[in-house]
Amino acid sequence: MLGNLGTAELLIIAIVVLVFFGSKKLNELARGLGESTKEYKKIRRDFHSAVSEDKVETPTTVKNSAKVNKPSKEESKKGGDR
């Protein structure tokens, strides 16, 4: 996003912001931005840990739950009517 802006452009933007807001208001804005960033990172970290916990609890393999019964000796002698 700021990749196309050079040092001179960023300096001009900083001066305009300083003049527009004043130094006291600029400190308040920076503090609020820092707190917002901190809260965002905390929420993001909590979300990623919750998602990774769900991945751990989810089984990745399915066990064969269907059991195949072998025909008894009597059925194999009869030939079975299957």
C-alpha atoms as a PDB file:
ATOM      1  CA  MET A   1       0.000   0.000   0.000  1.00  0.00           C
ATOM      2  CA  LEU A   2       2.730   2.475   0.916  1.00  0.00           C
ATOM      3  CA  GLY A   3       5.243   0.828  -1.400  1.00  0.00           C
ATOM      4  CA  ASN A   4       5.063   3.606  -3.992  1.00  0.00           C
ATOM      5  CA  LEU A   5       5.652   6.411  -1.476  1.00  0.00           C
ATOM      6  CA  GLY A   6       9.200   7.564  -0.911  1.00  0.00           C
ATOM      7  CA  THR A   7      10.765   9.177   2.131  1.00  0.00           C
ATOM      8  CA  ALA A   8       9.992  12.705   0.938  1.00  0.00           C
ATOM      9  CA  GLU A   9       6.320  11.936   0.386  1.00  0.00           C
ATOM     10  CA  LEU A  10       5.975  10.297   3.800  1.00  0.00           C
ATOM     11  CA  LEU A  11       7.669  13.282   5.448  1.00  0.00           C
ATOM     12  CA  ILE A  12       5.280  15.708   3.735  1.00  0.00           C
ATOM     13  CA  ILE A  13       2.292  13.617   4.824  1.00  0.00           C
ATOM     14  CA  ALA A  14       3.600  13.555   8.421  1.00  0.00           C
ATOM     15  CA  ILE A  15       4.001  17.354   8.452  1.00  0.00           C
ATOM     16  CA  VAL A  16       0.499  17.899   7.051  1.00  0.00           C
ATOM     17  CA  VAL A  17      -0.982  15.551   9.661  1.00  0.00           C
ATOM     18  CA  LEU A  18       0.958  17.309  12.439  1.00  0.00           C
ATOM     19  CA  VAL A  19      -0.275  20.727  11.303  1.00  0.00           C
ATOM     20  CA  PHE A  20      -3.835  19.510  10.806  1.00  0.00           C
ATOM     21  CA  PHE A  21      -4.232  17.684  14.137  1.00  0.00           C
ATOM     22  CA  GLY A  22      -1.641  19.352  16.373  1.00  0.00           C
ATOM     23  CA  SER A  23       0.893  17.570  18.532  1.00  0.00           C
ATOM     24  CA  LYS A  24      -1.467  16.861  21.459  1.00  0.00           C
ATOM     25  CA  LYS A  25      -4.190  15.360  19.300  1.00  0.00           C
ATOM     26  CA  LEU A  26      -1.592  13.433  17.302  1.00  0.00           C
ATOM     27  CA  ASN A  27      -0.355  11.746  20.505  1.00  0.00           C
ATOM     28  CA  GLU A  28      -3.916  10.745  21.384  1.00  0.00           C
ATOM     29  CA  LEU A  29      -4.489   9.367  17.891  1.00  0.00           C
ATOM     30  CA  ALA A  30      -1.249   7.379  17.985  1.00  0.00           C
ATOM     31  CA  ARG A  31      -2.114   5.966  21.414  1.00  0.00           C
ATOM     32  CA  GLY A  32      -5.576   4.944  20.216  1.00  0.00           C
ATOM     33  CA  LEU A  33      -4.124   3.368  17.103  1.00  0.00           C
ATOM     34  CA  GLY A  34      -1.629   1.418  19.216  1.00  0.00           C
ATOM     35  CA  GLU A  35      -4.358   0.134  21.539  1.00  0.00           C
ATOM     36  CA  SER A  36      -6.524  -0.854  18.577  1.00  0.00           C
ATOM     37  CA  THR A  37      -3.627  -2.728  16.999  1.00  0.00           C
ATOM     38  CA  LYS A  38      -2.907  -4.510  20.285  1.00  0.00           C
ATOM     39  CA  GLU A  39      -6.557  -5.565  20.640  1.00  0.00           C
ATOM     40  CA  TYR A  40      -6.671  -6.752  17.015  1.00  0.00           C
ATOM     41  CA  LYS A  41      -3.564  -8.893  17.507  1.00  0.00           C
ATOM     42  CA  LYS A  42      -5.022 -10.402  20.700  1.00  0.00           C
ATOM     43  CA  ILE A  43      -8.294 -11.313  18.968  1.00  0.00           C
ATOM     44  CA  ARG A  44      -6.402 -12.742  15.993  1.00  0.00           C
ATOM     45  CA  ARG A  45      -4.144 -14.834  18.272  1.00  0.00           C
ATOM     46  CA  ASP A  46      -7.172 -16.151  20.220  1.00  0.00           C
ATOM     47  CA  PHE A  47      -8.952 -17.029  16.988  1.00  0.00           C
ATOM     48  CA  HIS A  48      -5.949 -18.902  15.589  1.00  0.00           C
ATOM     49  CA  SER A  49      -5.473 -20.839  18.826  1.00  0.00           C
ATOM     50  CA  ALA A  50      -9.174 -21.800  18.865  1.00  0.00           C
ATOM     51  CA  VAL A  51      -8.977 -22.975  15.263  1.00  0.00           C
ATOM     52  CA  SER A  52      -5.814 -24.988  15.901  1.00  0.00           C
ATOM     53  CA  GLU A  53      -7.437 -26.614  18.972  1.00  0.00           C
ATOM     54  CA  ASP A  54     -10.365 -27.673  16.788  1.00  0.00           C
ATOM     55  CA  LYS A  55      -7.964 -29.204  14.292  1.00  0.00           C
ATOM     56  CA  VAL A  56      -6.279 -31.230  17.032  1.00  0.00           C
ATOM     57  CA  GLU A  57      -9.574 -32.581  18.383  1.00  0.00           C
ATOM     58  CA  THR A  58     -10.906 -33.601  14.967  1.00  0.00           C
ATOM     59  CA  PRO A  59      -9.900 -37.157  14.013  1.00  0.00           C
ATOM     60  CA  THR A  60      -8.054 -37.309  10.735  1.00  0.00           C
ATOM     61  CA  THR A  61      -8.664 -40.982   9.978  1.00  0.00           C
ATOM     62  CA  VAL A  62     -11.904 -42.889   9.836  1.00  0.00           C
ATOM     63  CA  LYS A  63     -11.886 -46.303  11.437  1.00  0.00           C
ATOM     64  CA  ASN A  64     -13.647 -49.136   9.698  1.00  0.00           C
ATOM     65  CA  SER A  65     -16.863 -49.404  11.671  1.00  0.00           C
ATOM     66  CA  ALA A  66     -18.539 -51.957   9.421  1.00  0.00           C
ATOM     67  CA  LYS A  67     -17.642 -55.500  10.393  1.00  0.00           C
ATOM     68  CA  VAL A  68     -18.053 -58.258   7.856  1.00  0.00           C
ATOM     69  CA  ASN A  69     -19.225 -61.538   9.327  1.00  0.00           C
ATOM     70  CA  LYS A  70     -17.651 -64.590   7.810  1.00  0.00           C
ATOM     71  CA  PRO A  71     -20.103 -67.332   6.874  1.00  0.00           C
ATOM     72  CA  SER A  72     -20.366 -70.120   9.387  1.00  0.00           C
ATOM     73  CA  LYS A  73     -19.286 -73.653   8.519  1.00  0.00           C
ATOM     74  CA  GLU A  74     -22.914 -74.682   8.039  1.00  0.00           C
ATOM     75  CA  GLU A  75     -23.591 -71.878   5.558  1.00  0.00           C
ATOM     76  CA  SER A  76     -20.482 -72.659   3.562  1.00  0.00           C
ATOM     77  CA  LYS A  77     -21.490 -76.365   3.352  1.00  0.00           C
ATOM     78  CA  LYS A  78     -24.979 -75.396   2.136  1.00  0.00           C
ATOM     79  CA  GLY A  79     -23.536 -73.161  -0.532  1.00  0.00           C
ATOM     80  CA  GLY A  80     -25.485 -70.157   0.690  1.00  0.00           C
ATOM     81  CA  ASP A  81     -28.484 -68.651  -1.070  1.00  0.00           C
ATOM     82  CA  ARG A  82     -26.999 -65.202  -1.430  1.00  0.00           C
END
